[in-house]
Amino acid sequence: MAASAMDGVAATALRSVLHRVKQAAERSSRVPDRIKVVAVSKTKPVSLLQEVYDAGHRYFGENYVQEIVEKAPQLPEDIEWHFIGNLQSNKVKPLLTGVPNLFMVETVDDEKIANNLDRVIGNIGRKPLKVLVQVNTSGETSKFGVDPNGCLELVKHVTSNCTNLEFCGLMTIGMPDYTSTPENFKTLANCRSEVCNALGIPEEQCELSMGMSSDFELAIEMGSTNVRIGSTIFGAREYPKKQ
């Protein structure tokens, strides 16, 4: 990505993040191009997303259905939108119909939401949707996600019963305490090994979405293929949360 004298703060921050991703990948003998940076743009104005888009970035993540449905039509169609928030059943149809270029839902954490996604996709006739199974690796009751012990069962349900969903890997949020994070990342990597062994697929075909602004370099060194970075690119929150 070539630097420009016209770059804004967010574009400059993005370039710094991509450089740090490259360094972390090289430290762990990984190919930087295989690590996707999802720019988490919740609460940010469309103008700021456009700036990051104009800097060459195409992967954006949103936490709230209302926001992504509002923003997506105002931005270019080649953006790959990732939904990374908790998804309620009554929001499935508005999400899928309102964002035709929705690339992935990273937060499938029980059979009910998987079934709802599968049914609505079939009803509206869109192509299969890529999904990640969210795992609660920290054991915190405040976090969403299937228990690690139930991860394989949920993955099997998605792959066996949800023909309109394409299982792509696992996601976790982990604990905010940096010193506890490695254990959370190890747990997700162990879940991937269990899933891949059971399904007979190579681990390289199973993504790991883990790592955020405070710990994405560690996550990459521990195998993450997908890091979700918000404040480091976009700065402090600008608007109150939308539910």
Protein backbone atom coordinates (compact mmCIF):
# COMPACT_ATOMS: atom_id res chain seq x y z
CA MET A 1 0.00 0.00 0.00
CA ALA A 2 1.66 3.22 -1.16
CA ALA A 3 1.63 6.18 1.21
CA SER A 4 0.01 9.40 0.06
CA ALA A 5 0.56 12.97 1.20
CA MET A 6 -3.23 13.19 1.42
CA ASP A 7 -3.57 10.28 3.85
CA GLY A 8 -5.75 10.98 6.86
CA VAL A 9 -5.15 9.78 10.40
CA ALA A 10 -7.08 6.53 9.94
CA ALA A 11 -5.30 5.64 6.70
CA THR A 12 -1.94 6.27 8.35
CA ALA A 13 -2.95 4.17 11.35
CA LEU A 14 -4.08 1.35 9.03
CA ARG A 15 -0.70 1.35 7.32
CA SER A 16 1.03 1.10 10.70
CA VAL A 17 -1.19 -1.83 11.72
CA LEU A 18 -0.49 -3.68 8.47
CA HIS A 19 3.24 -3.21 9.04
CA ARG A 20 2.95 -4.62 12.55
CA VAL A 21 0.95 -7.58 11.20
CA LYS A 22 3.71 -8.25 8.67
CA GLN A 23 6.37 -8.16 11.38
CA ALA A 24 4.41 -10.48 13.67
CA ALA A 25 3.87 -12.93 10.82
CA GLU A 26 7.55 -12.95 9.94
CA ARG A 27 8.50 -13.54 13.57
CA SER A 28 6.41 -16.71 13.53
CA SER A 29 7.51 -17.80 10.03
CA ARG A 30 4.08 -17.17 8.56
CA VAL A 31 3.00 -15.60 5.28
CA PRO A 32 1.66 -12.08 6.00
CA ASP A 33 -0.76 -12.17 3.07
CA ARG A 34 -2.64 -15.03 4.74
CA ILE A 35 -3.58 -12.89 7.74
CA LYS A 36 -6.66 -10.73 7.28
CA VAL A 37 -7.10 -7.47 9.16
CA VAL A 38 -10.79 -6.74 9.77
CA ALA A 39 -11.20 -3.02 10.47
CA VAL A 40 -13.84 -2.84 13.21
CA SER A 41 -15.82 0.26 12.36
CA LYS A 42 -18.62 0.24 14.94
CA THR A 43 -19.80 3.73 15.93
CA LYS A 44 -17.62 5.31 13.22
CA PRO A 45 -19.02 7.61 10.54
CA VAL A 46 -19.17 6.47 6.93
CA SER A 47 -16.66 9.20 5.96
CA LEU A 48 -14.00 7.54 8.12
CA LEU A 49 -14.70 4.12 6.63
CA GLN A 50 -14.43 5.66 3.18
CA GLU A 51 -11.00 7.04 4.08
CA VAL A 52 -9.79 3.58 5.07
CA TYR A 53 -11.38 2.10 1.93
CA ASP A 54 -9.64 4.71 -0.23
CA ALA A 55 -6.35 3.64 1.37
CA GLY A 56 -6.95 0.22 -0.20
CA HIS A 57 -8.64 -1.70 2.60
CA ARG A 58 -11.64 -3.94 1.90
CA TYR A 59 -12.35 -5.87 5.13
CA PHE A 60 -14.65 -4.19 7.66
CA GLY A 61 -16.40 -5.52 10.76
CA GLU A 62 -19.55 -4.29 12.50
CA ASN A 63 -21.06 -5.27 15.85
CA TYR A 64 -24.61 -3.98 15.48
CA VAL A 65 -27.15 -4.93 12.81
CA GLN A 66 -28.65 -1.44 12.70
CA GLU A 67 -25.28 0.12 11.94
CA ILE A 68 -24.16 -2.29 9.25
CA VAL A 69 -27.54 -2.06 7.51
CA GLU A 70 -27.25 1.74 7.51
CA LYS A 71 -23.63 1.90 6.38
CA ALA A 72 -23.35 -0.84 3.76
CA PRO A 73 -25.51 0.85 1.08
CA GLN A 74 -23.47 4.07 1.44
CA LEU A 75 -20.15 2.36 0.72
CA PRO A 76 -18.68 0.47 -2.26
CA GLU A 77 -20.07 -2.97 -3.00
CA ASP A 78 -16.68 -4.70 -3.05
CA ILE A 79 -16.29 -4.36 0.72
CA GLU A 80 -16.25 -7.70 2.54
CA TRP A 81 -18.43 -7.10 5.59
CA HIS A 82 -17.89 -9.25 8.67
CA PHE A 83 -20.60 -9.29 11.33
CA ILE A 84 -18.79 -9.73 14.64
CA GLY A 85 -21.45 -8.94 17.26
CA ASN A 86 -23.96 -11.12 19.05
CA LEU A 87 -26.72 -11.88 16.56
CA GLN A 88 -30.30 -12.14 17.81
CA SER A 89 -32.77 -14.30 15.92
CA ASN A 90 -35.07 -11.38 15.07
CA LYS A 91 -32.17 -9.54 13.44
CA VAL A 92 -31.14 -12.34 11.07
CA LYS A 93 -33.45 -11.41 8.20
CA PRO A 94 -32.77 -7.63 8.37
CA LEU A 95 -29.02 -8.37 8.35
CA LEU A 96 -29.11 -10.75 5.40
CA THR A 97 -31.51 -8.69 3.28
CA GLY A 98 -29.96 -5.33 4.19
CA VAL A 99 -26.35 -6.27 3.42
CA PRO A 100 -26.16 -8.21 0.13
CA ASN A 101 -22.35 -8.12 0.31
CA LEU A 102 -22.22 -9.59 3.81
CA PHE A 103 -19.13 -11.79 3.60
CA MET A 104 -19.15 -13.60 6.94
CA VAL A 105 -20.88 -13.96 10.31
CA GLU A 106 -18.19 -14.66 12.91
CA THR A 107 -20.51 -15.21 15.85
CA VAL A 108 -22.48 -18.43 15.39
CA ASP A 109 -22.62 -19.69 18.97
CA ASP A 110 -25.57 -22.09 19.11
CA GLU A 111 -27.71 -24.32 16.90
CA LYS A 112 -30.66 -21.92 16.99
CA ILE A 113 -28.82 -19.04 15.34
CA ALA A 114 -27.22 -21.41 12.82
CA ASN A 115 -30.64 -22.78 11.91
CA ASN A 116 -32.12 -19.29 11.56
CA LEU A 117 -29.31 -18.13 9.29
CA ASP A 118 -29.62 -21.28 7.21
CA ARG A 119 -33.40 -20.95 6.85
CA VAL A 120 -33.43 -17.24 5.93
CA ILE A 121 -30.62 -17.65 3.39
CA GLY A 122 -32.62 -20.43 1.76
CA ASN A 123 -35.77 -18.32 1.74
CA ILE A 124 -34.20 -15.24 0.17
CA GLY A 125 -32.13 -17.27 -2.26
CA ARG A 126 -28.71 -15.80 -1.60
CA LYS A 127 -25.51 -17.77 -1.97
CA PRO A 128 -24.21 -19.76 1.04
CA LEU A 129 -22.83 -17.57 3.82
CA LYS A 130 -19.41 -18.06 5.36
CA VAL A 131 -19.57 -18.49 9.14
CA LEU A 132 -17.26 -18.94 12.09
CA VAL A 133 -18.26 -20.72 15.29
CA GLN A 134 -17.70 -18.46 18.30
CA VAL A 135 -16.09 -20.18 21.29
CA ASN A 136 -16.08 -18.77 24.82
CA THR A 137 -12.47 -19.58 25.68
CA SER A 138 -12.32 -17.45 28.84
CA GLY A 139 -15.30 -18.96 30.66
CA GLU A 140 -16.63 -15.48 31.44
CA THR A 141 -20.42 -15.38 31.77
CA SER A 142 -20.39 -11.93 30.15
CA LYS A 143 -18.99 -13.37 26.93
CA PHE A 144 -20.97 -15.10 24.21
CA GLY A 145 -19.79 -18.30 22.57
CA VAL A 146 -20.16 -22.04 22.86
CA ASP A 147 -18.22 -23.79 25.61
CA PRO A 148 -15.02 -25.36 24.23
CA ASN A 149 -16.42 -28.78 25.13
CA GLY A 150 -19.41 -28.15 22.87
CA CYS A 151 -17.48 -26.67 19.97
CA LEU A 152 -17.15 -29.84 17.91
CA GLU A 153 -20.83 -30.70 18.31
CA LEU A 154 -21.89 -27.26 17.06
CA VAL A 155 -19.47 -27.40 14.12
CA LYS A 156 -20.86 -30.81 13.18
CA HIS A 157 -24.39 -29.41 13.30
CA VAL A 158 -23.43 -26.56 10.96
CA THR A 159 -21.60 -28.79 8.50
CA SER A 160 -24.21 -31.57 8.52
CA ASN A 161 -27.52 -29.72 8.78
CA CYS A 162 -27.03 -26.17 7.50
CA THR A 163 -26.53 -26.47 3.75
CA ASN A 164 -26.71 -22.71 3.25
CA LEU A 165 -23.81 -22.07 5.62
CA GLU A 166 -20.13 -22.58 4.82
CA PHE A 167 -18.15 -23.38 7.96
CA CYS A 168 -14.82 -21.58 7.74
CA GLY A 169 -13.33 -21.72 11.23
CA LEU A 170 -13.48 -20.56 14.85
CA MET A 171 -13.58 -17.20 16.62
CA THR A 172 -12.97 -16.03 20.17
CA ILE A 173 -12.82 -12.73 22.01
CA GLY A 174 -10.68 -13.81 24.94
CA MET A 175 -10.05 -11.95 28.17
CA PRO A 176 -9.08 -8.28 28.30
CA ASP A 177 -6.30 -9.18 30.73
CA TYR A 178 -3.28 -9.49 28.44
CA THR A 179 -1.54 -12.04 30.69
CA SER A 180 -4.53 -14.41 30.41
CA THR A 181 -4.86 -14.07 26.66
CA PRO A 182 -2.35 -16.77 25.61
CA GLU A 183 -4.39 -19.45 27.38
CA ASN A 184 -7.53 -18.32 25.57
CA PHE A 185 -5.72 -18.44 22.24
CA LYS A 186 -4.31 -21.90 23.03
CA THR A 187 -7.81 -23.12 23.85
CA LEU A 188 -9.10 -21.97 20.46
CA ALA A 189 -6.16 -23.59 18.67
CA ASN A 190 -6.88 -26.84 20.55
CA CYS A 191 -10.53 -26.62 19.47
CA ARG A 192 -9.39 -26.24 15.88
CA SER A 193 -7.23 -29.35 16.15
CA GLU A 194 -10.17 -31.33 17.55
CA VAL A 195 -12.52 -30.07 14.81
CA CYS A 196 -10.09 -30.71 11.98
CA ASN A 197 -9.27 -34.21 13.21
CA ALA A 198 -12.97 -35.07 13.49
CA LEU A 199 -13.90 -33.62 10.10
CA GLY A 200 -10.78 -34.84 8.34
CA ILE A 201 -9.72 -31.41 7.08
CA PRO A 202 -6.29 -29.76 7.23
CA GLU A 203 -5.87 -27.07 9.88
CA GLU A 204 -4.85 -24.55 7.21
CA GLN A 205 -8.43 -24.69 5.93
CA CYS A 206 -9.87 -23.74 9.33
CA GLU A 207 -9.53 -20.05 10.17
CA LEU A 208 -8.82 -18.70 13.65
CA SER A 209 -10.30 -15.27 14.31
CA MET A 210 -8.63 -14.04 17.46
CA GLY A 211 -6.77 -10.94 18.52
CA MET A 212 -7.85 -7.31 18.75
CA SER A 213 -6.12 -3.95 19.10
CA SER A 214 -4.35 -4.82 22.36
CA ASP A 215 -3.12 -8.31 21.50
CA PHE A 216 -3.25 -8.92 17.74
CA GLU A 217 0.50 -9.45 17.40
CA LEU A 218 0.46 -12.19 20.04
CA ALA A 219 -2.61 -13.71 18.35
CA ILE A 220 -0.79 -13.85 15.01
CA GLU A 221 2.21 -15.51 16.62
CA MET A 222 -0.19 -18.09 18.06
CA GLY A 223 -1.85 -18.87 14.75
CA SER A 224 -4.57 -16.30 14.15
CA THR A 225 -5.60 -15.86 10.51
CA ASN A 226 -8.08 -13.07 11.17
CA VAL A 227 -7.51 -10.12 13.54
CA ARG A 228 -10.24 -7.62 14.44
CA ILE A 229 -8.84 -4.13 14.98
CA GLY A 230 -10.90 -1.06 15.79
CA SER A 231 -9.52 1.70 18.00
CA THR A 232 -5.95 1.33 16.76
CA ILE A 233 -7.17 2.26 13.26
CA PHE A 234 -10.16 4.49 13.91
CA GLY A 235 -9.25 6.10 17.23
CA ALA A 236 -11.49 6.47 20.25
CA ARG A 237 -15.20 5.81 20.03
CA GLU A 238 -17.08 8.72 18.49
CA TYR A 239 -20.72 7.88 19.05
CA PRO A 240 -22.65 6.05 21.78
CA LYS A 241 -23.36 2.38 21.27
CA LYS A 242 -26.35 1.39 19.17
CA GLN A 243 -28.32 -1.65 20.20
